[in-house]
PDB file of N, CA and C in Angstrom:
ATOM      1  N   MET A   1      -1.771   4.378   6.828  1.00  0.00           N
ATOM      2  CA  MET A   1      -0.889   4.941   5.827  1.00  0.00           C
ATOM      3  C   MET A   1       0.482   5.242   6.441  1.00  0.00           C
ATOM      4  N   ASN A   2       0.463   5.654   7.711  1.00  0.00           N
ATOM      5  CA  ASN A   2       1.736   5.916   8.380  1.00  0.00           C
ATOM      6  C   ASN A   2       2.589   4.666   8.471  1.00  0.00           C
ATOM      7  N   ALA A   3       1.946   3.523   8.723  1.00  0.00           N
ATOM      8  CA  ALA A   3       2.696   2.270   8.822  1.00  0.00           C
ATOM      9  C   ALA A   3       3.377   1.945   7.494  1.00  0.00           C
ATOM     10  N   LEU A   4       2.684   2.162   6.398  1.00  0.00           N
ATOM     11  CA  LEU A   4       3.269   1.883   5.082  1.00  0.00           C
ATOM     12  C   LEU A   4       4.393   2.867   4.776  1.00  0.00           C
ATOM     13  N   TRP A   5       4.163   4.134   5.047  1.00  0.00           N
ATOM     14  CA  TRP A   5       5.208   5.125   4.805  1.00  0.00           C
ATOM     15  C   TRP A   5       6.452   4.812   5.642  1.00  0.00           C
ATOM     16  N   ASN A   6       6.255   4.442   6.896  1.00  0.00           N
ATOM     17  CA  ASN A   6       7.388   4.098   7.762  1.00  0.00           C
ATOM     18  C   ASN A   6       8.120   2.863   7.261  1.00  0.00           C
ATOM     19  N   ALA A   7       7.390   1.877   6.766  1.00  0.00           N
ATOM     20  CA  ALA A   7       8.022   0.663   6.245  1.00  0.00           C
ATOM     21  C   ALA A   7       8.853   0.971   5.002  1.00  0.00           C
ATOM     22  N   ILE A   8       8.324   1.791   4.119  1.00  0.00           N
ATOM     23  CA  ILE A   8       9.063   2.165   2.905  1.00  0.00           C
ATOM     24  C   ILE A   8      10.316   2.945   3.276  1.00  0.00           C
ATOM     25  N   THR A   9      10.166   3.884   4.190  1.00  0.00           N
ATOM     26  CA  THR A   9      11.307   4.693   4.623  1.00  0.00           C
ATOM     27  C   THR A   9      12.377   3.831   5.272  1.00  0.00           C
ATOM     28  N   LYS A  10      11.954   2.873   6.073  1.00  0.00           N
ATOM     29  CA  LYS A  10      12.911   1.986   6.748  1.00  0.00           C
ATOM     30  C   LYS A  10      13.689   1.145   5.739  1.00  0.00           C
ATOM     31  N   LEU A  11      13.015   0.648   4.710  1.00  0.00           N
ATOM     32  CA  LEU A  11      13.686  -0.196   3.721  1.00  0.00           C
ATOM     33  C   LEU A  11      14.492   0.590   2.692  1.00  0.00           C
ATOM     34  N   TYR A  12      13.959   1.730   2.237  1.00  0.00           N
ATOM     35  CA  TYR A  12      14.538   2.434   1.104  1.00  0.00           C
ATOM     36  C   TYR A  12      14.992   3.858   1.388  1.00  0.00           C
ATOM     37  N   GLY A  13      14.785   4.335   2.609  1.00  0.00           N
ATOM     38  CA  GLY A  13      15.189   5.689   2.951  1.00  0.00           C
ATOM     39  C   GLY A  13      14.226   6.729   2.410  1.00  0.00           C
ATOM     40  N   GLU A  14      14.501   7.968   2.750  1.00  0.00           N
ATOM     41  CA  GLU A  14      13.640   9.078   2.318  1.00  0.00           C
ATOM     42  C   GLU A  14      13.626   9.225   0.797  1.00  0.00           C
ATOM     43  N   HIS A  15      14.781   9.070   0.179  1.00  0.00           N
ATOM     44  CA  HIS A  15      14.849   9.211  -1.280  1.00  0.00           C
ATOM     45  C   HIS A  15      14.007   8.141  -1.965  1.00  0.00           C
ATOM     46  N   GLY A  16      14.131   6.891  -1.537  1.00  0.00           N
ATOM     47  CA  GLY A  16      13.339   5.813  -2.117  1.00  0.00           C
ATOM     48  C   GLY A  16      11.858   6.014  -1.883  1.00  0.00           C
ATOM     49  N   ALA A  17      11.504   6.437  -0.680  1.00  0.00           N
ATOM     50  CA  ALA A  17      10.098   6.666  -0.357  1.00  0.00           C
ATOM     51  C   ALA A  17       9.510   7.781  -1.215  1.00  0.00           C
ATOM     52  N   SER A  18      10.299   8.796  -1.496  1.00  0.00           N
ATOM     53  CA  SER A  18       9.795   9.909  -2.304  1.00  0.00           C
ATOM     54  C   SER A  18       9.519   9.488  -3.743  1.00  0.00           C
ATOM     55  N   GLN A  19      10.119   8.426  -4.189  1.00  0.00           N
ATOM     56  CA  GLN A  19       9.917   7.949  -5.563  1.00  0.00           C
ATOM     57  C   GLN A  19       8.646   7.128  -5.727  1.00  0.00           C
ATOM     58  N   THR A  20       8.010   6.748  -4.629  1.00  0.00           N
ATOM     59  CA  THR A  20       6.827   5.890  -4.718  1.00  0.00           C
ATOM     60  C   THR A  20       5.575   6.631  -5.154  1.00  0.00           C
ATOM     61  N   GLY A  21       5.482   7.918  -4.846  1.00  0.00           N
ATOM     62  CA  GLY A  21       4.265   8.665  -5.166  1.00  0.00           C
ATOM     63  C   GLY A  21       3.060   8.100  -4.431  1.00  0.00           C
ATOM     64  N   LEU A  22       3.280   7.616  -3.242  1.00  0.00           N
ATOM     65  CA  LEU A  22       2.265   6.920  -2.465  1.00  0.00           C
ATOM     66  C   LEU A  22       1.104   7.843  -2.111  1.00  0.00           C
ATOM     67  N   THR A  23      -0.126   7.376  -2.404  1.00  0.00           N
ATOM     68  CA  THR A  23      -1.337   8.145  -2.115  1.00  0.00           C
ATOM     69  C   THR A  23      -2.431   7.195  -1.636  1.00  0.00           C
ATOM     70  N   LEU A  24      -3.124   7.578  -0.583  1.00  0.00           N
ATOM     71  CA  LEU A  24      -4.286   6.811  -0.131  1.00  0.00           C
ATOM     72  C   LEU A  24      -5.494   7.291  -0.926  1.00  0.00           C
ATOM     73  N   ILE A  25      -6.105   6.385  -1.671  1.00  0.00           N
ATOM     74  CA  ILE A  25      -7.276   6.724  -2.481  1.00  0.00           C
ATOM     75  C   ILE A  25      -8.545   6.548  -1.666  1.00  0.00           C
ATOM     76  N   GLU A  26      -8.639   5.419  -0.953  1.00  0.00           N
ATOM     77  CA  GLU A  26      -9.844   5.138  -0.180  1.00  0.00           C
ATOM     78  C   GLU A  26      -9.501   4.170   0.942  1.00  0.00           C
ATOM     79  N   TYR A  27     -10.174   4.326   2.071  1.00  0.00           N
ATOM     80  CA  TYR A  27     -10.048   3.374   3.171  1.00  0.00           C
ATOM     81  C   TYR A  27     -11.428   3.113   3.740  1.00  0.00           C
ATOM     82  N   ASN A  28     -11.801   1.851   3.826  1.00  0.00           N
ATOM     83  CA  ASN A  28     -13.079   1.449   4.396  1.00  0.00           C
ATOM     84  C   ASN A  28     -12.798   0.706   5.699  1.00  0.00           C
ATOM     85  N   PRO A  29     -12.989   1.363   6.841  1.00  0.00           N
ATOM     86  CA  PRO A  29     -12.667   0.716   8.118  1.00  0.00           C
ATOM     87  C   PRO A  29     -13.579  -0.463   8.447  1.00  0.00           C
ATOM     88  N   ASP A  30     -14.814  -0.471   7.936  1.00  0.00           N
ATOM     89  CA  ASP A  30     -15.723  -1.585   8.203  1.00  0.00           C
ATOM     90  C   ASP A  30     -15.234  -2.869   7.521  1.00  0.00           C
ATOM     91  N   GLU A  31     -14.793  -2.746   6.280  1.00  0.00           N
ATOM     92  CA  GLU A  31     -14.300  -3.903   5.529  1.00  0.00           C
ATOM     93  C   GLU A  31     -12.793  -4.091   5.686  1.00  0.00           C
ATOM     94  N   LYS A  32     -12.149  -3.102   6.321  1.00  0.00           N
ATOM     95  CA  LYS A  32     -10.695  -3.117   6.501  1.00  0.00           C
ATOM     96  C   LYS A  32      -9.976  -3.256   5.164  1.00  0.00           C
ATOM     97  N   LEU A  33     -10.419  -2.453   4.202  1.00  0.00           N
ATOM     98  CA  LEU A  33      -9.830  -2.425   2.867  1.00  0.00           C
ATOM     99  C   LEU A  33      -9.311  -1.032   2.554  1.00  0.00           C
ATOM    100  N   ALA A  34      -8.153  -0.990   1.941  1.00  0.00           N
ATOM    101  CA  ALA A  34      -7.584   0.289   1.521  1.00  0.00           C
ATOM    102  C   ALA A  34      -7.200   0.190   0.053  1.00  0.00           C
ATOM    103  N   VAL A  35      -7.373   1.288  -0.647  1.00  0.00           N
ATOM    104  CA  VAL A  35      -6.900   1.410  -2.026  1.00  0.00           C
ATOM    105  C   VAL A  35      -5.794   2.444  -1.990  1.00  0.00           C
ATOM    106  N   ILE A  36      -4.607   2.035  -2.402  1.00  0.00           N
ATOM    107  CA  ILE A  36      -3.482   2.967  -2.454  1.00  0.00           C
ATOM    108  C   ILE A  36      -2.975   3.058  -3.877  1.00  0.00           C
ATOM    109  N   ARG A  37      -2.403   4.199  -4.167  1.00  0.00           N
ATOM    110  CA  ARG A  37      -1.822   4.438  -5.487  1.00  0.00           C
ATOM    111  C   ARG A  37      -0.320   4.588  -5.305  1.00  0.00           C
ATOM    112  N   THR A  38       0.425   3.989  -6.225  1.00  0.00           N
ATOM    113  CA  THR A  38       1.867   4.144  -6.233  1.00  0.00           C
ATOM    114  C   THR A  38       2.335   4.193  -7.678  1.00  0.00           C
ATOM    115  N   ASN A  39       3.488   4.762  -7.903  1.00  0.00           N
ATOM    116  CA  ASN A  39       4.046   4.782  -9.246  1.00  0.00           C
ATOM    117  C   ASN A  39       4.340   3.356  -9.686  1.00  0.00           C
ATOM    118  N   ASN A  40       4.114   3.071 -10.975  1.00  0.00           N
ATOM    119  CA  ASN A  40       4.351   1.708 -11.443  1.00  0.00           C
ATOM    120  C   ASN A  40       5.823   1.320 -11.339  1.00  0.00           C
ATOM    121  N   THR A  41       6.717   2.285 -11.382  1.00  0.00           N
ATOM    122  CA  THR A  41       8.142   1.973 -11.247  1.00  0.00           C
ATOM    123  C   THR A  41       8.510   1.613  -9.817  1.00  0.00           C
ATOM    124  N   ALA A  42       7.659   1.964  -8.869  1.00  0.00           N
ATOM    125  CA  ALA A  42       7.916   1.685  -7.453  1.00  0.00           C
ATOM    126  C   ALA A  42       7.023   0.571  -6.914  1.00  0.00           C
ATOM    127  N   LEU A  43       6.347  -0.150  -7.792  1.00  0.00           N
ATOM    128  CA  LEU A  43       5.427  -1.187  -7.354  1.00  0.00           C
ATOM    129  C   LEU A  43       6.128  -2.252  -6.519  1.00  0.00           C
ATOM    130  N   ASN A  44       7.271  -2.736  -6.955  1.00  0.00           N
ATOM    131  CA  ASN A  44       7.987  -3.767  -6.197  1.00  0.00           C
ATOM    132  C   ASN A  44       8.449  -3.245  -4.841  1.00  0.00           C
ATOM    133  N   MET A  45       8.877  -1.996  -4.788  1.00  0.00           N
ATOM    134  CA  MET A  45       9.270  -1.391  -3.512  1.00  0.00           C
ATOM    135  C   MET A  45       8.084  -1.335  -2.558  1.00  0.00           C
ATOM    136  N   THR A  46       6.944  -0.934  -3.071  1.00  0.00           N
ATOM    137  CA  THR A  46       5.750  -0.806  -2.247  1.00  0.00           C
ATOM    138  C   THR A  46       5.291  -2.168  -1.751  1.00  0.00           C
ATOM    139  N   ARG A  47       5.283  -3.164  -2.619  1.00  0.00           N
ATOM    140  CA  ARG A  47       4.854  -4.509  -2.211  1.00  0.00           C
ATOM    141  C   ARG A  47       5.801  -5.098  -1.177  1.00  0.00           C
ATOM    142  N   ALA A  48       7.092  -4.901  -1.362  1.00  0.00           N
ATOM    143  CA  ALA A  48       8.063  -5.401  -0.386  1.00  0.00           C
ATOM    144  C   ALA A  48       7.855  -4.728   0.961  1.00  0.00           C
ATOM    145  N   SER A  49       7.569  -3.448   0.945  1.00  0.00           N
ATOM    146  CA  SER A  49       7.345  -2.709   2.191  1.00  0.00           C
ATOM    147  C   SER A  49       6.072  -3.167   2.887  1.00  0.00           C
ATOM    148  N   ILE A  50       5.023  -3.443   2.128  1.00  0.00           N
ATOM    149  CA  ILE A  50       3.778  -3.942   2.710  1.00  0.00           C
ATOM    150  C   ILE A  50       4.034  -5.260   3.437  1.00  0.00           C
ATOM    151  N   ALA A  51       4.871  -6.099   2.848  1.00  0.00           N
ATOM    152  CA  ALA A  51       5.154  -7.414   3.437  1.00  0.00           C
ATOM    153  C   ALA A  51       5.871  -7.315   4.778  1.00  0.00           C
ATOM    154  N   THR A  52       6.530  -6.194   5.048  1.00  0.00           N
ATOM    155  CA  THR A  52       7.266  -6.059   6.306  1.00  0.00           C
ATOM    156  C   THR A  52       6.409  -5.532   7.449  1.00  0.00           C
ATOM    157  N   ILE A  53       5.201  -5.105   7.172  1.00  0.00           N
ATOM    158  CA  ILE A  53       4.336  -4.539   8.212  1.00  0.00           C
ATOM    159  C   ILE A  53       3.705  -5.678   9.011  1.00  0.00           C
ATOM    160  N   THR A  54       4.016  -5.725  10.295  1.00  0.00           N
ATOM    161  CA  THR A  54       3.458  -6.757  11.171  1.00  0.00           C
ATOM    162  C   THR A  54       2.669  -6.173  12.336  1.00  0.00           C
ATOM    163  N   LYS A  55       2.814  -4.877  12.565  1.00  0.00           N
ATOM    164  CA  LYS A  55       2.076  -4.215  13.645  1.00  0.00           C
ATOM    165  C   LYS A  55       1.656  -2.817  13.190  1.00  0.00           C
ATOM    166  N   ILE A  56       0.461  -2.440  13.609  1.00  0.00           N
ATOM    167  CA  ILE A  56      -0.013  -1.066  13.438  1.00  0.00           C
ATOM    168  C   ILE A  56      -0.549  -0.638  14.786  1.00  0.00           C
ATOM    169  N   GLU A  57       0.016   0.425  15.326  1.00  0.00           N
ATOM    170  CA  GLU A  57      -0.340   0.921  16.664  1.00  0.00           C
ATOM    171  C   GLU A  57      -0.261  -0.206  17.697  1.00  0.00           C
ATOM    172  N   GLU A  58       0.819  -0.954  17.638  1.00  0.00           N
ATOM    173  CA  GLU A  58       1.120  -2.055  18.569  1.00  0.00           C
ATOM    174  C   GLU A  58       0.127  -3.215  18.508  1.00  0.00           C
ATOM    175  N   LYS A  59      -0.699  -3.261  17.473  1.00  0.00           N
ATOM    176  CA  LYS A  59      -1.615  -4.386  17.277  1.00  0.00           C
ATOM    177  C   LYS A  59      -1.095  -5.227  16.113  1.00  0.00           C
ATOM    178  N   PRO A  60      -1.048  -6.547  16.264  1.00  0.00           N
ATOM    179  CA  PRO A  60      -0.557  -7.393  15.179  1.00  0.00           C
ATOM    180  C   PRO A  60      -1.493  -7.335  13.967  1.00  0.00           C
ATOM    181  N   VAL A  61      -0.911  -7.260  12.788  1.00  0.00           N
ATOM    182  CA  VAL A  61      -1.693  -7.195  11.550  1.00  0.00           C
ATOM    183  C   VAL A  61      -1.050  -8.090  10.490  1.00  0.00           C
ATOM    184  N   ALA A  62      -1.850  -8.460   9.537  1.00  0.00           N
ATOM    185  CA  ALA A  62      -1.378  -9.140   8.334  1.00  0.00           C
ATOM    186  C   ALA A  62      -2.033  -8.430   7.159  1.00  0.00           C
ATOM    187  N   ILE A  63      -1.238  -7.862   6.288  1.00  0.00           N
ATOM    188  CA  ILE A  63      -1.757  -7.110   5.147  1.00  0.00           C
ATOM    189  C   ILE A  63      -1.607  -7.965   3.896  1.00  0.00           C
ATOM    190  N   HIS A  64      -2.687  -8.066   3.136  1.00  0.00           N
ATOM    191  CA  HIS A  64      -2.696  -8.862   1.918  1.00  0.00           C
ATOM    192  C   HIS A  64      -3.050  -7.973   0.732  1.00  0.00           C
ATOM    193  N   VAL A  65      -2.331  -8.128  -0.358  1.00  0.00           N
ATOM    194  CA  VAL A  65      -2.637  -7.415  -1.595  1.00  0.00           C
ATOM    195  C   VAL A  65      -3.690  -8.231  -2.329  1.00  0.00           C
ATOM    196  N   LEU A  66      -4.858  -7.644  -2.543  1.00  0.00           N
ATOM    197  CA  LEU A  66      -5.949  -8.352  -3.209  1.00  0.00           C
ATOM    198  C   LEU A  66      -5.907  -8.199  -4.714  1.00  0.00           C
ATOM    199  N   ALA A  67      -5.484  -7.033  -5.184  1.00  0.00           N
ATOM    200  CA  ALA A  67      -5.473  -6.786  -6.621  1.00  0.00           C
ATOM    201  C   ALA A  67      -4.518  -5.649  -6.944  1.00  0.00           C
ATOM    202  N   ILE A  68      -4.002  -5.698  -8.160  1.00  0.00           N
ATOM    203  CA  ILE A  68      -3.154  -4.631  -8.703  1.00  0.00           C
ATOM    204  C   ILE A  68      -3.690  -4.315 -10.088  1.00  0.00           C
ATOM    205  N   SER A  69      -3.730  -3.045 -10.398  1.00  0.00           N
ATOM    206  CA  SER A  69      -4.245  -2.649 -11.699  1.00  0.00           C
ATOM    207  C   SER A  69      -3.512  -1.424 -12.206  1.00  0.00           C
ATOM    208  N   GLY A  70      -3.597  -1.216 -13.491  1.00  0.00           N
ATOM    209  CA  GLY A  70      -2.978  -0.052 -14.106  1.00  0.00           C
ATOM    210  C   GLY A  70      -3.765   1.225 -13.889  1.00  0.00           C
ATOM    211  N   THR A  71      -5.075   1.082 -13.671  1.00  0.00           N
ATOM    212  CA  THR A  71      -5.919   2.250 -13.424  1.00  0.00           C
ATOM    213  C   THR A  71      -6.827   1.988 -12.229  1.00  0.00           C
ATOM    214  N   ILE A  72      -7.255   3.058 -11.591  1.00  0.00           N
ATOM    215  CA  ILE A  72      -8.155   2.942 -10.447  1.00  0.00           C
ATOM    216  C   ILE A  72      -9.501   2.378 -10.909  1.00  0.00           C
ATOM    217  N   LYS A  73      -9.976   2.808 -12.062  1.00  0.00           N
ATOM    218  CA  LYS A  73     -11.252   2.331 -12.591  1.00  0.00           C
ATOM    219  C   LYS A  73     -11.229   0.816 -12.787  1.00  0.00           C
ATOM    220  N   ALA A  74     -10.188   0.310 -13.397  1.00  0.00           N
ATOM    221  CA  ALA A  74     -10.068  -1.133 -13.611  1.00  0.00           C
ATOM    222  C   ALA A  74      -9.916  -1.880 -12.293  1.00  0.00           C
ATOM    223  N   LEU A  75      -9.253  -1.273 -11.333  1.00  0.00           N
ATOM    224  CA  LEU A  75      -9.095  -1.904 -10.024  1.00  0.00           C
ATOM    225  C   LEU A  75     -10.454  -2.121  -9.366  1.00  0.00           C
ATOM    226  N   TYR A  76     -11.283  -1.084  -9.347  1.00  0.00           N
ATOM    227  CA  TYR A  76     -12.608  -1.216  -8.748  1.00  0.00           C
ATOM    228  C   TYR A  76     -13.444  -2.250  -9.498  1.00  0.00           C
ATOM    229  N   LYS A  77     -13.314  -2.306 -10.805  1.00  0.00           N
ATOM    230  CA  LYS A  77     -14.035  -3.301 -11.597  1.00  0.00           C
ATOM    231  C   LYS A  77     -13.604  -4.708 -11.204  1.00  0.00           C
ATOM    232  N   ASN A  78     -12.296  -4.929 -11.030  1.00  0.00           N
ATOM    233  CA  ASN A  78     -11.775  -6.241 -10.657  1.00  0.00           C
ATOM    234  C   ASN A  78     -12.173  -6.628  -9.236  1.00  0.00           C
ATOM    235  N   LEU A  79     -12.223  -5.668  -8.331  1.00  0.00           N
ATOM    236  CA  LEU A  79     -12.566  -5.961  -6.943  1.00  0.00           C
ATOM    237  C   LEU A  79     -14.044  -6.310  -6.777  1.00  0.00           C
ATOM    238  N   ARG A  80     -14.874  -5.813  -7.634  1.00  0.00           N
ATOM    239  CA  ARG A  80     -16.315  -6.055  -7.518  1.00  0.00           C
ATOM    240  C   ARG A  80     -16.722  -7.403  -8.106  1.00  0.00           C
ATOM    241  N   HIS A  81     -15.840  -8.023  -8.869  1.00  0.00           N
ATOM    242  CA  HIS A  81     -16.181  -9.337  -9.479  1.00  0.00           C
ATOM    243  C   HIS A  81     -15.662 -10.469  -8.677  1.00  0.00           C
TER     244      HIS A  81
END
């Protein structure tokens, strides 16, 4: 989550980052999956910031967005199918 917050701050500053409403809903380290919540008005900012993350704790990473949904319930439904 720190990597994402830092990426948003780097691209959009503190003011832009504060508009995202970024929240970690769930993280599964075994599957390496995270569910994050962001304001729908900041979705493009969040996606752009995710694309800039190439390292976490000095380890190379590639982050992929698997699904986007209007609600958490619908997101889990889409991920399970």
